[in-house]
Amino acid sequence: MSENIIAYQGVEGAYSHLACKNAYPNMIPKACDSFMDAMWMVEEGEAKYAMIPLENSTAGRVEEIYRLIPKMSLSIVAEHFEPVVHCLLSLPKAKIEDIKYVSSHPQALAQCHLNITKLGLIAEATFDTAGAAKEVLERGDIKRAAIASKLAAKLYGLKILREHFEDEGGNVTRFFVLAKKGDIPPFSKKEEYITSLLFQVRNIPAALYKALGGFATNGINLIKLESYNVGSKIQASLFHVDIEAHPDMKRMKYALEELAFFAEDVRILGVYKKHPFRKEFKGD
């Protein structure tokens, strides 16, 4: 049964739930109270995958995930990009002129601020978007609405008063798909890959510059570089790098050799195929 389960953080109808359904339509999504709980389900063999949000094009990175990555023993086996379409949801009998209050996660409220203001609504922050939708149903007050996904509307029997309620389009969340064992896929020239690394630079001058220099000299593109401190050691910074290459490529092998000379604790978090969204985003 666990081979058909994908875990996520949130309640039913959350955007992570929607990502699970769109990326793995034949799997059973399982809601968890926290990111750790979702990851633990995979660790314990109770789920095959965990769908974990890493960053949002509007809200930025999910800080908690970067604190968890160095501690996890799971591997990244895929990435998924999920467009965020906010909907204004109400009870079935409510009309737009009935609504006085709107609730949602603070980020969703911020992303819909102009539209909320135009309607003269009073915004109320909640723990998550789907939870706000569920609360509208439970309270049964036609004056109340929520900002959540289309899936939340379907699950809780709510009416979509306004679709694309966000002030600006193009809001997308990038997810990591985590598994207990992540075998490196065999290299194929027909595919494009991303390798995610975690490392700490050695205590020498210009260590980061030198560590990353091997990628530049070997013509390898870095598409993401994040630094963060772990624990109480403010001097010890970890670096997360996403690289457009496969470890079996000759150029990548040379770059990794140079990285290992100037860095320590180099760890491959995962090697996986590029998500099609990346090509769409570039307009290819």
C-alpha atoms as a PDB file:
ATOM      1  CA  MET A   1       0.000   0.000   0.000  1.00  0.00           C
ATOM      2  CA  SER A   2       2.853   2.398   0.840  1.00  0.00           C
ATOM      3  CA  GLU A   3       4.170   2.100  -2.735  1.00  0.00           C
ATOM      4  CA  ASN A   4       1.075   3.979  -3.886  1.00  0.00           C
ATOM      5  CA  ILE A   5       1.143   6.782  -1.268  1.00  0.00           C
ATOM      6  CA  ILE A   6       2.639  10.256  -1.635  1.00  0.00           C
ATOM      7  CA  ALA A   7       2.798  12.404   1.507  1.00  0.00           C
ATOM      8  CA  TYR A   8       2.485  16.200   1.730  1.00  0.00           C
ATOM      9  CA  GLN A   9       2.208  18.894   4.398  1.00  0.00           C
ATOM     10  CA  GLY A  10      -1.163  20.576   4.843  1.00  0.00           C
ATOM     11  CA  VAL A  11      -4.841  19.700   4.746  1.00  0.00           C
ATOM     12  CA  GLU A  12      -6.839  18.349   1.831  1.00  0.00           C
ATOM     13  CA  GLY A  13      -7.162  20.959  -0.889  1.00  0.00           C
ATOM     14  CA  ALA A  14      -3.799  22.602  -0.197  1.00  0.00           C
ATOM     15  CA  TYR A  15      -1.587  23.499  -3.167  1.00  0.00           C
ATOM     16  CA  SER A  16       0.777  20.684  -2.130  1.00  0.00           C
ATOM     17  CA  HIS A  17      -2.183  18.301  -2.407  1.00  0.00           C
ATOM     18  CA  LEU A  18      -2.881  19.676  -5.884  1.00  0.00           C
ATOM     19  CA  ALA A  19       0.779  19.182  -6.831  1.00  0.00           C
ATOM     20  CA  CYS A  20       0.571  15.525  -5.766  1.00  0.00           C
ATOM     21  CA  LYS A  21      -2.529  14.938  -7.879  1.00  0.00           C
ATOM     22  CA  ASN A  22      -1.082  16.644 -10.958  1.00  0.00           C
ATOM     23  CA  ALA A  23       2.373  15.050 -10.756  1.00  0.00           C
ATOM     24  CA  TYR A  24       1.259  11.567  -9.680  1.00  0.00           C
ATOM     25  CA  PRO A  25      -2.441  11.169 -10.575  1.00  0.00           C
ATOM     26  CA  ASN A  26      -2.404   7.422  -9.876  1.00  0.00           C
ATOM     27  CA  MET A  27      -1.008   7.749  -6.350  1.00  0.00           C
ATOM     28  CA  ILE A  28      -2.902   8.362  -3.110  1.00  0.00           C
ATOM     29  CA  PRO A  29      -2.054  11.735  -1.481  1.00  0.00           C
ATOM     30  CA  LYS A  30      -1.689  11.636   2.311  1.00  0.00           C
ATOM     31  CA  ALA A  31      -1.997  14.837   4.343  1.00  0.00           C
ATOM     32  CA  CYS A  32       0.504  15.424   7.177  1.00  0.00           C
ATOM     33  CA  ASP A  33       0.694  18.074   9.897  1.00  0.00           C
ATOM     34  CA  SER A  34       4.287  19.068   9.128  1.00  0.00           C
ATOM     35  CA  PHE A  35       7.053  18.708   6.546  1.00  0.00           C
ATOM     36  CA  MET A  36       8.902  16.465   8.993  1.00  0.00           C
ATOM     37  CA  ASP A  37       5.874  14.176   9.290  1.00  0.00           C
ATOM     38  CA  ALA A  38       5.645  13.866   5.502  1.00  0.00           C
ATOM     39  CA  MET A  39       9.346  13.086   5.211  1.00  0.00           C
ATOM     40  CA  TRP A  40       9.161  10.665   8.134  1.00  0.00           C
ATOM     41  CA  MET A  41       6.426   8.685   6.386  1.00  0.00           C
ATOM     42  CA  VAL A  42       8.867   8.060   3.537  1.00  0.00           C
ATOM     43  CA  GLU A  43      11.694   7.277   5.942  1.00  0.00           C
ATOM     44  CA  GLU A  44       9.530   4.693   7.724  1.00  0.00           C
ATOM     45  CA  GLY A  45       8.286   3.143   4.478  1.00  0.00           C
ATOM     46  CA  GLU A  46       4.712   4.344   4.993  1.00  0.00           C
ATOM     47  CA  ALA A  47       4.846   6.389   1.770  1.00  0.00           C
ATOM     48  CA  LYS A  48       6.857   6.074  -1.427  1.00  0.00           C
ATOM     49  CA  TYR A  49       7.313   9.815  -1.986  1.00  0.00           C
ATOM     50  CA  ALA A  50       6.988  13.153  -0.201  1.00  0.00           C
ATOM     51  CA  MET A  51       6.008  16.295  -2.141  1.00  0.00           C
ATOM     52  CA  ILE A  52       7.882  19.150  -0.465  1.00  0.00           C
ATOM     53  CA  PRO A  53       7.755  22.839  -1.554  1.00  0.00           C
ATOM     54  CA  LEU A  54      11.171  24.425  -1.907  1.00  0.00           C
ATOM     55  CA  GLU A  55      10.504  27.884  -3.269  1.00  0.00           C
ATOM     56  CA  ASN A  56       7.800  30.135  -4.679  1.00  0.00           C
ATOM     57  CA  SER A  57       8.290  32.665  -7.470  1.00  0.00           C
ATOM     58  CA  THR A  58       6.543  35.351  -5.389  1.00  0.00           C
ATOM     59  CA  ALA A  59       7.163  34.421  -1.756  1.00  0.00           C
ATOM     60  CA  GLY A  60      10.739  33.121  -2.156  1.00  0.00           C
ATOM     61  CA  ARG A  61      12.290  30.079  -0.544  1.00  0.00           C
ATOM     62  CA  VAL A  62      10.671  27.975   2.172  1.00  0.00           C
ATOM     63  CA  GLU A  63      13.092  28.549   5.046  1.00  0.00           C
ATOM     64  CA  GLU A  64      12.074  25.478   7.039  1.00  0.00           C
ATOM     65  CA  ILE A  65      12.976  23.146   4.171  1.00  0.00           C
ATOM     66  CA  TYR A  66      16.518  24.490   3.986  1.00  0.00           C
ATOM     67  CA  ARG A  67      16.929  23.759   7.681  1.00  0.00           C
ATOM     68  CA  LEU A  68      15.697  20.207   7.154  1.00  0.00           C
ATOM     69  CA  ILE A  69      17.702  19.332   4.016  1.00  0.00           C
ATOM     70  CA  PRO A  70      21.093  18.835   5.770  1.00  0.00           C
ATOM     71  CA  LYS A  71      19.454  16.554   8.340  1.00  0.00           C
ATOM     72  CA  MET A  72      17.479  14.381   5.944  1.00  0.00           C
ATOM     73  CA  SER A  73      18.586  11.002   4.652  1.00  0.00           C
ATOM     74  CA  LEU A  74      16.108  11.082   1.753  1.00  0.00           C
ATOM     75  CA  SER A  75      17.038  11.684  -1.882  1.00  0.00           C
ATOM     76  CA  ILE A  76      15.588  14.048  -4.476  1.00  0.00           C
ATOM     77  CA  VAL A  77      14.193  11.960  -7.321  1.00  0.00           C
ATOM     78  CA  ALA A  78      12.221  14.624  -9.223  1.00  0.00           C
ATOM     79  CA  GLU A  79      11.159  18.243  -9.281  1.00  0.00           C
ATOM     80  CA  HIS A  80       7.670  19.577  -9.948  1.00  0.00           C
ATOM     81  CA  PHE A  81       6.435  23.075 -10.788  1.00  0.00           C
ATOM     82  CA  GLU A  82       2.863  23.858  -9.746  1.00  0.00           C
ATOM     83  CA  PRO A  83       1.162  27.081 -10.956  1.00  0.00           C
ATOM     84  CA  VAL A  84      -0.663  28.819  -8.098  1.00  0.00           C
ATOM     85  CA  VAL A  85      -4.152  29.980  -9.098  1.00  0.00           C
ATOM     86  CA  HIS A  86      -5.945  31.660  -6.212  1.00  0.00           C
ATOM     87  CA  CYS A  87      -9.753  31.456  -6.158  1.00  0.00           C
ATOM     88  CA  LEU A  88     -12.198  33.438  -4.042  1.00  0.00           C
ATOM     89  CA  LEU A  89     -14.459  30.782  -2.493  1.00  0.00           C
ATOM     90  CA  SER A  90     -17.765  31.130  -0.678  1.00  0.00           C
ATOM     91  CA  LEU A  91     -20.778  29.130   0.436  1.00  0.00           C
ATOM     92  CA  PRO A  92     -22.939  28.008  -2.527  1.00  0.00           C
ATOM     93  CA  LYS A  93     -25.740  30.484  -1.753  1.00  0.00           C
ATOM     94  CA  ALA A  94     -23.486  33.513  -1.290  1.00  0.00           C
ATOM     95  CA  LYS A  95     -23.108  36.300  -3.822  1.00  0.00           C
ATOM     96  CA  ILE A  96     -20.106  38.543  -4.274  1.00  0.00           C
ATOM     97  CA  GLU A  97     -21.967  41.446  -2.625  1.00  0.00           C
ATOM     98  CA  ASP A  98     -22.616  39.323   0.485  1.00  0.00           C
ATOM     99  CA  ILE A  99     -18.919  38.878   1.277  1.00  0.00           C
ATOM    100  CA  LYS A 100     -17.447  41.033   4.059  1.00  0.00           C
ATOM    101  CA  TYR A 101     -14.522  38.916   5.295  1.00  0.00           C
ATOM    102  CA  VAL A 102     -11.898  36.873   3.483  1.00  0.00           C
ATOM    103  CA  SER A 103      -9.417  34.481   5.109  1.00  0.00           C
ATOM    104  CA  SER A 104      -6.325  32.644   3.891  1.00  0.00           C
ATOM    105  CA  HIS A 105      -2.611  32.117   4.467  1.00  0.00           C
ATOM    106  CA  PRO A 106      -0.787  35.485   4.843  1.00  0.00           C
ATOM    107  CA  GLN A 107       1.111  34.952   1.575  1.00  0.00           C
ATOM    108  CA  ALA A 108      -2.112  34.334  -0.342  1.00  0.00           C
ATOM    109  CA  LEU A 109      -3.680  37.439   1.205  1.00  0.00           C
ATOM    110  CA  ALA A 110      -0.643  39.479   0.169  1.00  0.00           C
ATOM    111  CA  GLN A 111      -0.782  38.118  -3.389  1.00  0.00           C
ATOM    112  CA  CYS A 112      -4.457  39.127  -3.657  1.00  0.00           C
ATOM    113  CA  HIS A 113      -4.186  42.428  -1.771  1.00  0.00           C
ATOM    114  CA  LEU A 114      -5.350  44.698  -4.593  1.00  0.00           C
ATOM    115  CA  ASN A 115      -8.413  42.607  -5.384  1.00  0.00           C
ATOM    116  CA  ILE A 116      -9.276  42.320  -1.699  1.00  0.00           C
ATOM    117  CA  THR A 117      -9.045  46.107  -1.408  1.00  0.00           C
ATOM    118  CA  LYS A 118     -11.207  46.675  -4.509  1.00  0.00           C
ATOM    119  CA  LEU A 119     -13.991  44.606  -2.962  1.00  0.00           C
ATOM    120  CA  GLY A 120     -13.598  46.337   0.410  1.00  0.00           C
ATOM    121  CA  LEU A 121     -13.077  43.044   2.244  1.00  0.00           C
ATOM    122  CA  ILE A 122     -11.575  42.572   5.698  1.00  0.00           C
ATOM    123  CA  ALA A 123      -8.635  40.145   5.459  1.00  0.00           C
ATOM    124  CA  GLU A 124      -8.054  37.545   8.183  1.00  0.00           C
ATOM    125  CA  ALA A 125      -4.898  35.421   8.299  1.00  0.00           C
ATOM    126  CA  THR A 126      -5.090  31.653   8.842  1.00  0.00           C
ATOM    127  CA  PHE A 127      -2.580  28.782   8.988  1.00  0.00           C
ATOM    128  CA  ASP A 128      -3.145  27.676   5.380  1.00  0.00           C
ATOM    129  CA  THR A 129      -5.338  28.229   2.324  1.00  0.00           C
ATOM    130  CA  ALA A 130      -7.251  24.945   2.363  1.00  0.00           C
ATOM    131  CA  GLY A 131      -7.866  25.271   6.102  1.00  0.00           C
ATOM    132  CA  ALA A 132      -9.477  28.652   5.457  1.00  0.00           C
ATOM    133  CA  ALA A 133     -11.773  27.072   2.859  1.00  0.00           C
ATOM    134  CA  LYS A 134     -12.749  24.306   5.266  1.00  0.00           C
ATOM    135  CA  GLU A 135     -13.532  26.891   7.932  1.00  0.00           C
ATOM    136  CA  VAL A 136     -15.877  28.781   5.584  1.00  0.00           C
ATOM    137  CA  LEU A 137     -17.892  25.596   5.162  1.00  0.00           C
ATOM    138  CA  GLU A 138     -17.909  24.830   8.894  1.00  0.00           C
ATOM    139  CA  ARG A 139     -18.960  28.345   9.951  1.00  0.00           C
ATOM    140  CA  GLY A 140     -21.769  28.524   7.411  1.00  0.00           C
ATOM    141  CA  ASP A 141     -21.699  32.332   7.237  1.00  0.00           C
ATOM    142  CA  ILE A 142     -22.436  33.793   3.794  1.00  0.00           C
ATOM    143  CA  LYS A 143     -20.471  36.915   4.723  1.00  0.00           C
ATOM    144  CA  ARG A 144     -17.249  34.902   4.809  1.00  0.00           C
ATOM    145  CA  ALA A 145     -15.027  33.786   1.944  1.00  0.00           C
ATOM    146  CA  ALA A 146     -11.624  32.158   1.573  1.00  0.00           C
ATOM    147  CA  ILE A 147      -8.765  32.346  -0.897  1.00  0.00           C
ATOM    148  CA  ALA A 148      -7.728  28.828  -1.859  1.00  0.00           C
ATOM    149  CA  SER A 149      -7.355  26.419  -4.757  1.00  0.00           C
ATOM    150  CA  LYS A 150      -9.939  25.089  -7.174  1.00  0.00           C
ATOM    151  CA  LEU A 151      -9.371  21.683  -5.587  1.00  0.00           C
ATOM    152  CA  ALA A 152     -10.342  23.078  -2.172  1.00  0.00           C
ATOM    153  CA  ALA A 153     -13.595  24.379  -3.673  1.00  0.00           C
ATOM    154  CA  LYS A 154     -14.390  20.915  -5.017  1.00  0.00           C
ATOM    155  CA  LEU A 155     -13.500  19.098  -1.794  1.00  0.00           C
ATOM    156  CA  TYR A 156     -15.494  21.380   0.504  1.00  0.00           C
ATOM    157  CA  GLY A 157     -18.435  22.084  -1.767  1.00  0.00           C
ATOM    158  CA  LEU A 158     -17.736  25.803  -2.097  1.00  0.00           C
ATOM    159  CA  LYS A 159     -18.559  28.152  -4.944  1.00  0.00           C
ATOM    160  CA  ILE A 160     -15.853  29.896  -6.942  1.00  0.00           C
ATOM    161  CA  LEU A 161     -16.827  33.564  -6.929  1.00  0.00           C
ATOM    162  CA  ARG A 162     -13.648  34.669  -8.693  1.00  0.00           C
ATOM    163  CA  GLU A 163     -10.992  32.517 -10.350  1.00  0.00           C
ATOM    164  CA  HIS A 164      -7.475  34.006 -10.799  1.00  0.00           C
ATOM    165  CA  PHE A 165      -8.081  36.266  -7.826  1.00  0.00           C
ATOM    166  CA  GLU A 166      -4.339  36.939  -7.518  1.00  0.00           C
ATOM    167  CA  ASP A 167      -3.172  40.451  -8.403  1.00  0.00           C
ATOM    168  CA  GLU A 168      -0.532  39.171 -10.839  1.00  0.00           C
ATOM    169  CA  GLY A 169      -0.262  35.933 -12.805  1.00  0.00           C
ATOM    170  CA  GLY A 170       2.748  33.672 -13.162  1.00  0.00           C
ATOM    171  CA  ASN A 171       2.949  32.593  -9.521  1.00  0.00           C
ATOM    172  CA  VAL A 172       4.599  29.148  -9.411  1.00  0.00           C
ATOM    173  CA  THR A 173       5.863  26.873  -6.630  1.00  0.00           C
ATOM    174  CA  ARG A 174       8.774  24.502  -7.158  1.00  0.00           C
ATOM    175  CA  PHE A 175       8.584  21.199  -5.288  1.00  0.00           C
ATOM    176  CA  PHE A 176      11.103  18.473  -4.563  1.00  0.00           C
ATOM    177  CA  VAL A 177       9.913  14.875  -4.721  1.00  0.00           C
ATOM    178  CA  LEU A 178      11.744  12.913  -2.038  1.00  0.00           C
ATOM    179  CA  ALA A 179      12.233   9.147  -1.817  1.00  0.00           C
ATOM    180  CA  LYS A 180      14.017   6.839   0.613  1.00  0.00           C
ATOM    181  CA  LYS A 181      16.397   5.595  -2.044  1.00  0.00           C
ATOM    182  CA  GLY A 182      17.364   7.715  -4.994  1.00  0.00           C
ATOM    183  CA  ASP A 183      19.383   5.849  -7.594  1.00  0.00           C
ATOM    184  CA  ILE A 184      21.166   8.126 -10.051  1.00  0.00           C
ATOM    185  CA  PRO A 185      19.407   7.701 -13.411  1.00  0.00           C
ATOM    186  CA  PRO A 186      21.640   6.487 -16.260  1.00  0.00           C
ATOM    187  CA  PHE A 187      22.868   9.330 -18.448  1.00  0.00           C
ATOM    188  CA  SER A 188      21.212   9.813 -21.830  1.00  0.00           C
ATOM    189  CA  LYS A 189      22.129  12.503 -24.348  1.00  0.00           C
ATOM    190  CA  LYS A 190      18.425  12.825 -25.180  1.00  0.00           C
ATOM    191  CA  GLU A 191      17.588  14.019 -21.657  1.00  0.00           C
ATOM    192  CA  GLU A 192      18.418  17.107 -19.595  1.00  0.00           C
ATOM    193  CA  TYR A 193      19.313  16.658 -15.941  1.00  0.00           C
ATOM    194  CA  ILE A 194      19.745  18.596 -12.729  1.00  0.00           C
ATOM    195  CA  THR A 195      22.163  17.592  -9.990  1.00  0.00           C
ATOM    196  CA  SER A 196      21.517  19.040  -6.519  1.00  0.00           C
ATOM    197  CA  LEU A 197      24.547  19.304  -4.226  1.00  0.00           C
ATOM    198  CA  LEU A 198      25.174  20.284  -0.633  1.00  0.00           C
ATOM    199  CA  PHE A 199      28.649  21.290   0.546  1.00  0.00           C
ATOM    200  CA  GLN A 200      30.688  23.382   2.952  1.00  0.00           C
ATOM    201  CA  VAL A 201      33.744  25.296   1.773  1.00  0.00           C
ATOM    202  CA  ARG A 202      37.147  24.853   3.372  1.00  0.00           C
ATOM    203  CA  ASN A 203      38.565  27.605   5.582  1.00  0.00           C
ATOM    204  CA  ILE A 204      40.842  29.141   2.947  1.00  0.00           C
ATOM    205  CA  PRO A 205      40.739  32.540   1.170  1.00  0.00           C
ATOM    206  CA  ALA A 206      38.256  32.797  -1.725  1.00  0.00           C
ATOM    207  CA  ALA A 207      37.182  29.195  -1.125  1.00  0.00           C
ATOM    208  CA  LEU A 208      33.687  29.604  -2.571  1.00  0.00           C
ATOM    209  CA  TYR A 209      35.013  31.371  -5.674  1.00  0.00           C
ATOM    210  CA  LYS A 210      37.518  28.584  -6.233  1.00  0.00           C
ATOM    211  CA  ALA A 211      35.015  25.820  -5.457  1.00  0.00           C
ATOM    212  CA  LEU A 212      32.572  27.096  -8.049  1.00  0.00           C
ATOM    213  CA  GLY A 213      35.233  28.062 -10.563  1.00  0.00           C
ATOM    214  CA  GLY A 214      35.435  24.505 -11.879  1.00  0.00           C
ATOM    215  CA  PHE A 215      31.870  24.715 -13.149  1.00  0.00           C
ATOM    216  CA  ALA A 216      32.616  27.922 -15.045  1.00  0.00           C
ATOM    217  CA  THR A 217      35.831  26.644 -16.646  1.00  0.00           C
ATOM    218  CA  ASN A 218      34.067  23.446 -17.726  1.00  0.00           C
ATOM    219  CA  GLY A 219      31.085  25.303 -19.208  1.00  0.00           C
ATOM    220  CA  ILE A 220      28.514  24.039 -16.714  1.00  0.00           C
ATOM    221  CA  ASN A 221      25.580  26.231 -15.737  1.00  0.00           C
ATOM    222  CA  LEU A 222      24.542  26.727 -12.108  1.00  0.00           C
ATOM    223  CA  ILE A 223      20.831  27.476 -11.904  1.00  0.00           C
ATOM    224  CA  LYS A 224      20.579  27.908  -8.151  1.00  0.00           C
ATOM    225  CA  LEU A 225      22.927  28.805  -5.307  1.00  0.00           C
ATOM    226  CA  GLU A 226      21.686  29.158  -1.742  1.00  0.00           C
ATOM    227  CA  SER A 227      23.721  29.661   1.424  1.00  0.00           C
ATOM    228  CA  TYR A 228      22.530  29.221   4.984  1.00  0.00           C
ATOM    229  CA  ASN A 229      23.839  28.579   8.450  1.00  0.00           C
ATOM    230  CA  VAL A 230      23.110  25.365  10.291  1.00  0.00           C
ATOM    231  CA  GLY A 231      22.659  25.256  14.045  1.00  0.00           C
ATOM    232  CA  SER A 232      24.524  27.787  16.166  1.00  0.00           C
ATOM    233  CA  LYS A 233      27.719  27.875  14.080  1.00  0.00           C
ATOM    234  CA  ILE A 234      27.353  31.230  12.390  1.00  0.00           C
ATOM    235  CA  GLN A 235      30.787  30.895  10.719  1.00  0.00           C
ATOM    236  CA  ALA A 236      29.933  27.564   9.071  1.00  0.00           C
ATOM    237  CA  SER A 237      27.843  28.140   5.968  1.00  0.00           C
ATOM    238  CA  LEU A 238      26.349  25.378   3.869  1.00  0.00           C
ATOM    239  CA  PHE A 239      25.741  25.853   0.168  1.00  0.00           C
ATOM    240  CA  HIS A 240      22.966  24.259  -1.862  1.00  0.00           C
ATOM    241  CA  VAL A 241      23.636  24.224  -5.603  1.00  0.00           C
ATOM    242  CA  ASP A 242      21.438  23.068  -8.486  1.00  0.00           C
ATOM    243  CA  ILE A 243      23.485  22.304 -11.597  1.00  0.00           C
ATOM    244  CA  GLU A 244      22.413  21.723 -15.200  1.00  0.00           C
ATOM    245  CA  ALA A 245      24.416  18.534 -15.669  1.00  0.00           C
ATOM    246  CA  HIS A 246      24.634  14.811 -14.925  1.00  0.00           C
ATOM    247  CA  PRO A 247      27.530  13.409 -12.799  1.00  0.00           C
ATOM    248  CA  ASP A 248      28.484  11.005 -15.608  1.00  0.00           C
ATOM    249  CA  MET A 249      29.190  13.839 -18.037  1.00  0.00           C
ATOM    250  CA  LYS A 250      32.947  14.301 -18.520  1.00  0.00           C
ATOM    251  CA  ARG A 251      32.766  18.062 -17.946  1.00  0.00           C
ATOM    252  CA  MET A 252      30.799  17.509 -14.747  1.00  0.00           C
ATOM    253  CA  LYS A 253      33.330  14.976 -13.461  1.00  0.00           C
ATOM    254  CA  TYR A 254      36.120  17.538 -13.860  1.00  0.00           C
ATOM    255  CA  ALA A 255      34.039  20.210 -12.100  1.00  0.00           C
ATOM    256  CA  LEU A 256      33.227  17.889  -9.186  1.00  0.00           C
ATOM    257  CA  GLU A 257      36.907  17.016  -8.776  1.00  0.00           C
ATOM    258  CA  GLU A 258      37.741  20.705  -8.472  1.00  0.00           C
ATOM    259  CA  LEU A 259      34.837  21.260  -6.070  1.00  0.00           C
ATOM    260  CA  ALA A 260      36.072  18.456  -3.813  1.00  0.00           C
ATOM    261  CA  PHE A 261      39.501  20.108  -3.582  1.00  0.00           C
ATOM    262  CA  PHE A 262      38.120  23.390  -2.187  1.00  0.00           C
ATOM    263  CA  ALA A 263      35.030  22.082  -0.360  1.00  0.00           C
ATOM    264  CA  GLU A 264      34.261  19.462   2.254  1.00  0.00           C
ATOM    265  CA  ASP A 265      31.290  17.262   3.051  1.00  0.00           C
ATOM    266  CA  VAL A 266      30.175  17.326  -0.590  1.00  0.00           C
ATOM    267  CA  ARG A 267      26.894  15.455  -0.820  1.00  0.00           C
ATOM    268  CA  ILE A 268      24.758  14.694  -3.856  1.00  0.00           C
ATOM    269  CA  LEU A 269      21.149  15.252  -2.798  1.00  0.00           C
ATOM    270  CA  GLY A 270      19.760  13.915  -6.038  1.00  0.00           C
ATOM    271  CA  VAL A 271      20.053  13.651  -9.811  1.00  0.00           C
ATOM    272  CA  TYR A 272      16.807  14.028 -11.724  1.00  0.00           C
ATOM    273  CA  LYS A 273      15.337  15.070 -15.059  1.00  0.00           C
ATOM    274  CA  LYS A 274      14.435  18.686 -15.691  1.00  0.00           C
ATOM    275  CA  HIS A 275      10.743  19.448 -15.340  1.00  0.00           C
ATOM    276  CA  PRO A 276       9.100  20.489 -18.665  1.00  0.00           C
ATOM    277  CA  PHE A 277       8.099  23.817 -17.074  1.00  0.00           C
ATOM    278  CA  ARG A 278      11.689  25.021 -17.353  1.00  0.00           C
ATOM    279  CA  LYS A 279      11.509  24.912 -21.160  1.00  0.00           C
ATOM    280  CA  GLU A 280       8.093  26.580 -21.165  1.00  0.00           C
ATOM    281  CA  PHE A 281       9.432  29.333 -18.892  1.00  0.00           C
ATOM    282  CA  LYS A 282      12.334  29.985 -21.272  1.00  0.00           C
ATOM    283  CA  GLY A 283       9.960  30.052 -24.220  1.00  0.00           C
ATOM    284  CA  ASP A 284      11.741  27.204 -26.006  1.00  0.00           C
END
